[in-house]
PDB file of N, CA and C in Angstrom:
ATOM      1  N   MET A   1       0.840  -1.171   0.000  1.00  0.00           N
ATOM      2  CA  MET A   1       0.000   0.000   0.000  1.00  0.00           C
ATOM      3  C   MET A   1       0.883   1.232   0.000  1.00  0.00           C
ATOM      4  N   SER A   2       0.688   2.133  -0.947  1.00  0.00           N
ATOM      5  CA  SER A   2       1.561   3.293  -1.047  1.00  0.00           C
ATOM      6  C   SER A   2       0.922   4.504  -0.401  1.00  0.00           C
ATOM      7  N   GLY A   3       1.749   5.376   0.150  1.00  0.00           N
ATOM      8  CA  GLY A   3       1.272   6.615   0.752  1.00  0.00           C
ATOM      9  C   GLY A   3       0.788   6.385   2.165  1.00  0.00           C
ATOM     10  N   SER A   4       0.990   7.368   2.991  1.00  0.00           N
ATOM     11  CA  SER A   4       0.559   7.267   4.375  1.00  0.00           C
ATOM     12  C   SER A   4      -0.857   7.804   4.523  1.00  0.00           C
ATOM     13  N   ALA A   5      -1.433   7.540   5.686  1.00  0.00           N
ATOM     14  CA  ALA A   5      -2.787   8.035   5.953  1.00  0.00           C
ATOM     15  C   ALA A   5      -2.811   9.552   5.924  1.00  0.00           C
ATOM     16  N   SER A   6      -1.739  10.188   6.415  1.00  0.00           N
ATOM     17  CA  SER A   6      -1.721  11.658   6.416  1.00  0.00           C
ATOM     18  C   SER A   6      -1.657  12.203   4.993  1.00  0.00           C
ATOM     19  N   GLU A   7      -0.950  11.521   4.088  1.00  0.00           N
ATOM     20  CA  GLU A   7      -0.912  11.948   2.684  1.00  0.00           C
ATOM     21  C   GLU A   7      -2.290  11.804   2.049  1.00  0.00           C
ATOM     22  N   GLU A   8      -2.993  10.714   2.372  1.00  0.00           N
ATOM     23  CA  GLU A   8      -4.335  10.505   1.830  1.00  0.00           C
ATOM     24  C   GLU A   8      -5.296  11.568   2.354  1.00  0.00           C
ATOM     25  N   ASN A   9      -5.194  11.898   3.655  1.00  0.00           N
ATOM     26  CA  ASN A   9      -6.039  12.954   4.221  1.00  0.00           C
ATOM     27  C   ASN A   9      -5.740  14.287   3.563  1.00  0.00           C
ATOM     28  N   HIS A  10      -4.456  14.548   3.337  1.00  0.00           N
ATOM     29  CA  HIS A  10      -4.060  15.799   2.681  1.00  0.00           C
ATOM     30  C   HIS A  10      -4.666  15.878   1.285  1.00  0.00           C
ATOM     31  N   HIS A  11      -4.595  14.775   0.541  1.00  0.00           N
ATOM     32  CA  HIS A  11      -5.145  14.752  -0.819  1.00  0.00           C
ATOM     33  C   HIS A  11      -6.648  15.010  -0.792  1.00  0.00           C
ATOM     34  N   SER A  12      -7.360  14.357   0.129  1.00  0.00           N
ATOM     35  CA  SER A  12      -8.809  14.570   0.193  1.00  0.00           C
ATOM     36  C   SER A  12      -9.128  15.992   0.639  1.00  0.00           C
ATOM     37  N   ASP A  13      -8.291  16.582   1.513  1.00  0.00           N
ATOM     38  CA  ASP A  13      -8.490  17.983   1.902  1.00  0.00           C
ATOM     39  C   ASP A  13      -8.317  18.897   0.701  1.00  0.00           C
ATOM     40  N   CYS A  14      -7.317  18.632  -0.133  1.00  0.00           N
ATOM     41  CA  CYS A  14      -7.099  19.460  -1.325  1.00  0.00           C
ATOM     42  C   CYS A  14      -8.279  19.331  -2.290  1.00  0.00           C
ATOM     43  N   GLU A  15      -8.807  18.130  -2.432  1.00  0.00           N
ATOM     44  CA  GLU A  15      -9.989  17.950  -3.285  1.00  0.00           C
ATOM     45  C   GLU A  15     -11.167  18.742  -2.730  1.00  0.00           C
ATOM     46  N   LYS A  16     -11.307  18.723  -1.395  1.00  0.00           N
ATOM     47  CA  LYS A  16     -12.395  19.478  -0.766  1.00  0.00           C
ATOM     48  C   LYS A  16     -12.176  20.976  -0.976  1.00  0.00           C
ATOM     49  N   VAL A  17     -10.922  21.436  -0.905  1.00  0.00           N
ATOM     50  CA  VAL A  17     -10.625  22.855  -1.138  1.00  0.00           C
ATOM     51  C   VAL A  17     -11.117  23.260  -2.522  1.00  0.00           C
ATOM     52  N   VAL A  18     -10.828  22.453  -3.516  1.00  0.00           N
ATOM     53  CA  VAL A  18     -11.251  22.764  -4.882  1.00  0.00           C
ATOM     54  C   VAL A  18     -12.777  22.813  -4.960  1.00  0.00           C
ATOM     55  N   ASP A  19     -13.444  21.825  -4.366  1.00  0.00           N
ATOM     56  CA  ASP A  19     -14.915  21.801  -4.387  1.00  0.00           C
ATOM     57  C   ASP A  19     -15.512  23.018  -3.685  1.00  0.00           C
ATOM     58  N   VAL A  20     -14.982  23.331  -2.501  1.00  0.00           N
ATOM     59  CA  VAL A  20     -15.507  24.461  -1.732  1.00  0.00           C
ATOM     60  C   VAL A  20     -15.191  25.774  -2.442  1.00  0.00           C
ATOM     61  N   PHE A  21     -14.011  25.860  -3.042  1.00  0.00           N
ATOM     62  CA  PHE A  21     -13.637  27.079  -3.767  1.00  0.00           C
ATOM     63  C   PHE A  21     -14.600  27.315  -4.931  1.00  0.00           C
ATOM     64  N   GLU A  22     -14.968  26.249  -5.635  1.00  0.00           N
ATOM     65  CA  GLU A  22     -15.932  26.383  -6.732  1.00  0.00           C
ATOM     66  C   GLU A  22     -17.287  26.853  -6.208  1.00  0.00           C
ATOM     67  N   LYS A  23     -17.718  26.315  -5.057  1.00  0.00           N
ATOM     68  CA  LYS A  23     -18.970  26.779  -4.448  1.00  0.00           C
ATOM     69  C   LYS A  23     -18.864  28.259  -4.089  1.00  0.00           C
ATOM     70  N   TRP A  24     -17.712  28.649  -3.568  1.00  0.00           N
ATOM     71  CA  TRP A  24     -17.504  30.052  -3.187  1.00  0.00           C
ATOM     72  C   TRP A  24     -17.575  30.957  -4.412  1.00  0.00           C
ATOM     73  N   LEU A  25     -16.957  30.539  -5.519  1.00  0.00           N
ATOM     74  CA  LEU A  25     -16.999  31.339  -6.748  1.00  0.00           C
ATOM     75  C   LEU A  25     -18.424  31.508  -7.253  1.00  0.00           C
ATOM     76  N   GLU A  26     -19.252  30.491  -7.045  1.00  0.00           N
ATOM     77  CA  GLU A  26     -20.646  30.530  -7.483  1.00  0.00           C
ATOM     78  C   GLU A  26     -21.553  31.231  -6.471  1.00  0.00           C
ATOM     79  N   GLY A  27     -20.970  31.669  -5.335  1.00  0.00           N
ATOM     80  CA  GLY A  27     -21.754  32.332  -4.301  1.00  0.00           C
ATOM     81  C   GLY A  27     -22.597  31.374  -3.477  1.00  0.00           C
ATOM     82  N   LYS A  28     -22.220  30.096  -3.457  1.00  0.00           N
ATOM     83  CA  LYS A  28     -23.012  29.079  -2.762  1.00  0.00           C
ATOM     84  C   LYS A  28     -22.318  28.520  -1.528  1.00  0.00           C
ATOM     85  N   ALA A  29     -21.183  29.082  -1.137  1.00  0.00           N
ATOM     86  CA  ALA A  29     -20.437  28.564   0.008  1.00  0.00           C
ATOM     87  C   ALA A  29     -21.092  29.011   1.311  1.00  0.00           C
ATOM     88  N   SER A  30     -21.137  28.087   2.255  1.00  0.00           N
ATOM     89  CA  SER A  30     -21.669  28.407   3.584  1.00  0.00           C
ATOM     90  C   SER A  30     -20.576  29.094   4.401  1.00  0.00           C
ATOM     91  N   GLU A  31     -20.959  29.571   5.566  1.00  0.00           N
ATOM     92  CA  GLU A  31     -19.973  30.183   6.465  1.00  0.00           C
ATOM     93  C   GLU A  31     -18.924  29.150   6.866  1.00  0.00           C
ATOM     94  N   ALA A  32     -19.359  27.906   7.102  1.00  0.00           N
ATOM     95  CA  ALA A  32     -18.425  26.828   7.450  1.00  0.00           C
ATOM     96  C   ALA A  32     -17.459  26.562   6.293  1.00  0.00           C
ATOM     97  N   ASP A  33     -17.966  26.625   5.063  1.00  0.00           N
ATOM     98  CA  ASP A  33     -17.105  26.444   3.889  1.00  0.00           C
ATOM     99  C   ASP A  33     -16.038  27.534   3.843  1.00  0.00           C
ATOM    100  N   GLU A  34     -16.453  28.774   4.088  1.00  0.00           N
ATOM    101  CA  GLU A  34     -15.508  29.892   4.052  1.00  0.00           C
ATOM    102  C   GLU A  34     -14.456  29.759   5.148  1.00  0.00           C
ATOM    103  N   GLU A  35     -14.873  29.289   6.331  1.00  0.00           N
ATOM    104  CA  GLU A  35     -13.918  29.062   7.418  1.00  0.00           C
ATOM    105  C   GLU A  35     -12.931  27.964   7.033  1.00  0.00           C
ATOM    106  N   PHE A  36     -13.434  26.907   6.400  1.00  0.00           N
ATOM    107  CA  PHE A  36     -12.562  25.821   5.947  1.00  0.00           C
ATOM    108  C   PHE A  36     -11.513  26.352   4.974  1.00  0.00           C
ATOM    109  N   LEU A  37     -11.942  27.181   4.010  1.00  0.00           N
ATOM    110  CA  LEU A  37     -10.991  27.752   3.051  1.00  0.00           C
ATOM    111  C   LEU A  37      -9.945  28.599   3.750  1.00  0.00           C
ATOM    112  N   ALA A  38     -10.367  29.406   4.708  1.00  0.00           N
ATOM    113  CA  ALA A  38      -9.429  30.267   5.430  1.00  0.00           C
ATOM    114  C   ALA A  38      -8.402  29.432   6.186  1.00  0.00           C
ATOM    115  N   GLU A  39      -8.861  28.362   6.840  1.00  0.00           N
ATOM    116  CA  GLU A  39      -7.940  27.480   7.564  1.00  0.00           C
ATOM    117  C   GLU A  39      -6.959  26.823   6.601  1.00  0.00           C
ATOM    118  N   GLN A  40      -7.461  26.326   5.495  1.00  0.00           N
ATOM    119  CA  GLN A  40      -6.595  25.667   4.517  1.00  0.00           C
ATOM    120  C   GLN A  40      -5.601  26.648   3.908  1.00  0.00           C
ATOM    121  N   ALA A  41      -6.021  27.878   3.701  1.00  0.00           N
ATOM    122  CA  ALA A  41      -5.118  28.879   3.130  1.00  0.00           C
ATOM    123  C   ALA A  41      -3.929  29.097   4.053  1.00  0.00           C
ATOM    124  N   ASP A  42      -4.175  29.031   5.362  1.00  0.00           N
ATOM    125  CA  ASP A  42      -3.091  29.198   6.331  1.00  0.00           C
ATOM    126  C   ASP A  42      -2.203  27.967   6.411  1.00  0.00           C
ATOM    127  N   GLU A  43      -2.785  26.780   6.198  1.00  0.00           N
ATOM    128  CA  GLU A  43      -2.075  25.532   6.453  1.00  0.00           C
ATOM    129  C   GLU A  43      -1.511  24.836   5.217  1.00  0.00           C
ATOM    130  N   CYS A  44      -2.100  25.055   4.046  1.00  0.00           N
ATOM    131  CA  CYS A  44      -1.758  24.186   2.918  1.00  0.00           C
ATOM    132  C   CYS A  44      -1.653  24.954   1.607  1.00  0.00           C
ATOM    133  N   SER A  45      -0.475  25.422   1.288  1.00  0.00           N
ATOM    134  CA  SER A  45      -0.312  26.135   0.020  1.00  0.00           C
ATOM    135  C   SER A  45      -0.427  25.220  -1.199  1.00  0.00           C
ATOM    136  N   PRO A  46      -0.044  23.926  -1.139  1.00  0.00           N
ATOM    137  CA  PRO A  46      -0.215  23.079  -2.331  1.00  0.00           C
ATOM    138  C   PRO A  46      -1.659  22.992  -2.805  1.00  0.00           C
ATOM    139  N   CYS A  47      -2.625  23.024  -1.881  1.00  0.00           N
ATOM    140  CA  CYS A  47      -4.034  22.998  -2.296  1.00  0.00           C
ATOM    141  C   CYS A  47      -4.342  24.199  -3.178  1.00  0.00           C
ATOM    142  N   PHE A  48      -3.838  25.346  -2.796  1.00  0.00           N
ATOM    143  CA  PHE A  48      -4.142  26.556  -3.544  1.00  0.00           C
ATOM    144  C   PHE A  48      -3.305  26.663  -4.810  1.00  0.00           C
ATOM    145  N   GLU A  49      -2.150  26.007  -4.835  1.00  0.00           N
ATOM    146  CA  GLU A  49      -1.378  25.935  -6.082  1.00  0.00           C
ATOM    147  C   GLU A  49      -2.185  25.170  -7.123  1.00  0.00           C
ATOM    148  N   SER A  50      -2.887  24.126  -6.688  1.00  0.00           N
ATOM    149  CA  SER A  50      -3.727  23.345  -7.596  1.00  0.00           C
ATOM    150  C   SER A  50      -4.834  24.215  -8.170  1.00  0.00           C
ATOM    151  N   ILE A  51      -5.463  25.028  -7.333  1.00  0.00           N
ATOM    152  CA  ILE A  51      -6.515  25.930  -7.801  1.00  0.00           C
ATOM    153  C   ILE A  51      -5.941  26.929  -8.788  1.00  0.00           C
ATOM    154  N   ASP A  52      -4.748  27.455  -8.486  1.00  0.00           N
ATOM    155  CA  ASP A  52      -4.120  28.422  -9.386  1.00  0.00           C
ATOM    156  C   ASP A  52      -3.848  27.788 -10.744  1.00  0.00           C
ATOM    157  N   LYS A  53      -3.398  26.541 -10.748  1.00  0.00           N
ATOM    158  CA  LYS A  53      -3.154  25.848 -12.017  1.00  0.00           C
ATOM    159  C   LYS A  53      -4.453  25.671 -12.795  1.00  0.00           C
ATOM    160  N   GLN A  54      -5.539  25.358 -12.087  1.00  0.00           N
ATOM    161  CA  GLN A  54      -6.833  25.219 -12.759  1.00  0.00           C
ATOM    162  C   GLN A  54      -7.265  26.545 -13.372  1.00  0.00           C
ATOM    163  N   LYS A  55      -7.092  27.634 -12.623  1.00  0.00           N
ATOM    164  CA  LYS A  55      -7.482  28.948 -13.134  1.00  0.00           C
ATOM    165  C   LYS A  55      -6.661  29.307 -14.364  1.00  0.00           C
ATOM    166  N   GLN A  56      -5.363  28.994 -14.338  1.00  0.00           N
ATOM    167  CA  GLN A  56      -4.517  29.276 -15.495  1.00  0.00           C
ATOM    168  C   GLN A  56      -4.972  28.462 -16.700  1.00  0.00           C
ATOM    169  N   PHE A  57      -5.347  27.203 -16.479  1.00  0.00           N
ATOM    170  CA  PHE A  57      -5.802  26.350 -17.570  1.00  0.00           C
ATOM    171  C   PHE A  57      -7.109  26.875 -18.160  1.00  0.00           C
ATOM    172  N   VAL A  58      -8.049  27.272 -17.293  1.00  0.00           N
ATOM    173  CA  VAL A  58      -9.321  27.819 -17.768  1.00  0.00           C
ATOM    174  C   VAL A  58      -9.075  29.100 -18.553  1.00  0.00           C
ATOM    175  N   GLN A  59      -8.173  29.943 -18.058  1.00  0.00           N
ATOM    176  CA  GLN A  59      -7.851  31.182 -18.770  1.00  0.00           C
ATOM    177  C   GLN A  59      -7.245  30.864 -20.135  1.00  0.00           C
ATOM    178  N   PHE A  60      -6.359  29.871 -20.185  1.00  0.00           N
ATOM    179  CA  PHE A  60      -5.766  29.455 -21.454  1.00  0.00           C
ATOM    180  C   PHE A  60      -6.857  29.001 -22.421  1.00  0.00           C
ATOM    181  N   LEU A  61      -7.776  28.165 -21.934  1.00  0.00           N
ATOM    182  CA  LEU A  61      -8.855  27.686 -22.801  1.00  0.00           C
ATOM    183  C   LEU A  61      -9.721  28.834 -23.296  1.00  0.00           C
ATOM    184  N   ASN A  62     -10.053  29.750 -22.403  1.00  0.00           N
ATOM    185  CA  ASN A  62     -10.867  30.895 -22.815  1.00  0.00           C
ATOM    186  C   ASN A  62     -10.173  31.700 -23.904  1.00  0.00           C
ATOM    187  N   ASN A  63      -8.874  31.903 -23.764  1.00  0.00           N
ATOM    188  CA  ASN A  63      -8.133  32.657 -24.775  1.00  0.00           C
ATOM    189  C   ASN A  63      -7.991  31.873 -26.072  1.00  0.00           C
ATOM    190  N   ALA A  64      -7.746  30.571 -25.960  1.00  0.00           N
ATOM    191  CA  ALA A  64      -7.536  29.747 -27.147  1.00  0.00           C
ATOM    192  C   ALA A  64      -8.828  29.556 -27.935  1.00  0.00           C
ATOM    193  N   LEU A  65      -9.944  29.493 -27.233  1.00  0.00           N
ATOM    194  CA  LEU A  65     -11.213  29.217 -27.896  1.00  0.00           C
ATOM    195  C   LEU A  65     -11.983  30.472 -28.275  1.00  0.00           C
ATOM    196  N   ARG A  66     -11.503  31.599 -27.839  1.00  0.00           N
ATOM    197  CA  ARG A  66     -12.203  32.850 -28.146  1.00  0.00           C
ATOM    198  C   ARG A  66     -12.083  33.135 -29.633  1.00  0.00           C
ATOM    199  N   ARG A  67     -13.200  33.370 -30.230  1.00  0.00           N
ATOM    200  CA  ARG A  67     -13.216  33.702 -31.656  1.00  0.00           C
ATOM    201  C   ARG A  67     -13.390  35.203 -31.781  1.00  0.00           C
ATOM    202  N   PRO A  68     -12.591  35.799 -32.623  1.00  0.00           N
ATOM    203  CA  PRO A  68     -12.761  37.245 -32.794  1.00  0.00           C
ATOM    204  C   PRO A  68     -14.101  37.531 -33.464  1.00  0.00           C
ATOM    205  N   GLY A  69     -14.711  38.634 -33.092  1.00  0.00           N
ATOM    206  CA  GLY A  69     -15.986  39.021 -33.692  1.00  0.00           C
ATOM    207  C   GLY A  69     -15.790  39.471 -35.126  1.00  0.00           C
ATOM    208  N   THR A  70     -16.856  39.438 -35.870  1.00  0.00           N
ATOM    209  CA  THR A  70     -16.819  39.899 -37.256  1.00  0.00           C
ATOM    210  C   THR A  70     -16.919  41.414 -37.265  1.00  0.00           C
ATOM    211  N   PRO A  71     -15.975  42.086 -37.914  1.00  0.00           N
ATOM    212  CA  PRO A  71     -16.046  43.544 -37.970  1.00  0.00           C
ATOM    213  C   PRO A  71     -17.293  43.994 -38.727  1.00  0.00           C
ATOM    214  N   ALA A  72     -17.909  45.056 -38.253  1.00  0.00           N
ATOM    215  CA  ALA A  72     -19.119  45.584 -38.895  1.00  0.00           C
ATOM    216  C   ALA A  72     -18.848  45.942 -40.349  1.00  0.00           C
ATOM    217  N   SER A  73     -17.646  46.417 -40.636  1.00  0.00           N
ATOM    218  CA  SER A  73     -17.326  46.805 -42.014  1.00  0.00           C
ATOM    219  C   SER A  73     -17.383  45.602 -42.956  1.00  0.00           C
ATOM    220  N   LEU A  74     -16.997  44.431 -42.481  1.00  0.00           N
ATOM    221  CA  LEU A  74     -17.051  43.232 -43.312  1.00  0.00           C
ATOM    222  C   LEU A  74     -18.502  42.875 -43.626  1.00  0.00           C
ATOM    223  N   VAL A  75     -19.349  42.942 -42.628  1.00  0.00           N
ATOM    224  CA  VAL A  75     -20.768  42.651 -42.831  1.00  0.00           C
ATOM    225  C   VAL A  75     -21.349  43.621 -43.852  1.00  0.00           C
ATOM    226  N   ASP A  76     -21.045  44.911 -43.706  1.00  0.00           N
ATOM    227  CA  ASP A  76     -21.548  45.921 -44.646  1.00  0.00           C
ATOM    228  C   ASP A  76     -21.039  45.667 -46.062  1.00  0.00           C
ATOM    229  N   THR A  77     -19.767  45.309 -46.196  1.00  0.00           N
ATOM    230  CA  THR A  77     -19.185  45.038 -47.506  1.00  0.00           C
ATOM    231  C   THR A  77     -19.880  43.855 -48.172  1.00  0.00           C
ATOM    232  N   ILE A  78     -20.119  42.800 -47.430  1.00  0.00           N
ATOM    233  CA  ILE A  78     -20.790  41.620 -47.981  1.00  0.00           C
ATOM    234  C   ILE A  78     -22.213  41.964 -48.411  1.00  0.00           C
ATOM    235  N   LYS A  79     -22.938  42.701 -47.571  1.00  0.00           N
ATOM    236  CA  LYS A  79     -24.308  43.095 -47.920  1.00  0.00           C
ATOM    237  C   LYS A  79     -24.326  43.943 -49.188  1.00  0.00           C
ATOM    238  N   THR A  80     -23.375  44.858 -49.312  1.00  0.00           N
ATOM    239  CA  THR A  80     -23.300  45.716 -50.497  1.00  0.00           C
ATOM    240  C   THR A  80     -23.036  44.886 -51.743  1.00  0.00           C
ATOM    241  N   LYS A  81     -22.096  43.937 -51.667  1.00  0.00           N
ATOM    242  CA  LYS A  81     -21.777  43.095 -52.822  1.00  0.00           C
ATOM    243  C   LYS A  81     -22.972  42.229 -53.207  1.00  0.00           C
ATOM    244  N   ILE A  82     -23.689  41.718 -52.230  1.00  0.00           N
ATOM    245  CA  ILE A  82     -24.872  40.907 -52.528  1.00  0.00           C
ATOM    246  C   ILE A  82     -25.937  41.771 -53.193  1.00  0.00           C
ATOM    247  N   HIS A  83     -26.137  42.962 -52.677  1.00  0.00           N
ATOM    248  CA  HIS A  83     -27.147  43.866 -53.216  1.00  0.00           C
ATOM    249  C   HIS A  83     -26.818  44.255 -54.663  1.00  0.00           C
ATOM    250  N   HIS A  84     -25.533  44.535 -54.947  1.00  0.00           N
ATOM    251  CA  HIS A  84     -25.127  44.940 -56.296  1.00  0.00           C
ATOM    252  C   HIS A  84     -25.150  43.781 -57.290  1.00  0.00           C
ATOM    253  N   SER A  85     -24.946  42.569 -56.819  1.00  0.00           N
ATOM    254  CA  SER A  85     -24.928  41.437 -57.743  1.00  0.00           C
ATOM    255  C   SER A  85     -26.333  40.877 -57.985  1.00  0.00           C
ATOM    256  N   ALA A  86     -27.294  41.296 -57.228  1.00  0.00           N
ATOM    257  CA  ALA A  86     -28.659  40.765 -57.387  1.00  0.00           C
ATOM    258  C   ALA A  86     -29.416  41.438 -58.494  1.00  0.00           C
TER     259      ALA A  86
END
């Protein structure tokens, strides 16, 4: 069996941090949830490093998947060409 009980507890605490943090972002965290986050912030920086990595990944996806809008001038040009060719 690999890993100690304290490592397993730490891992489950980090998973709970992520879950509670998501609830907090959605405005659904209870007062107990907020206290848990505050305690973990003081005790466990690796949990919050994981959250930071998730935020960076989400930001990367948002930037990578963002499609630039169509300029109004392009729409006008296409409409004009269609109108003149009809």
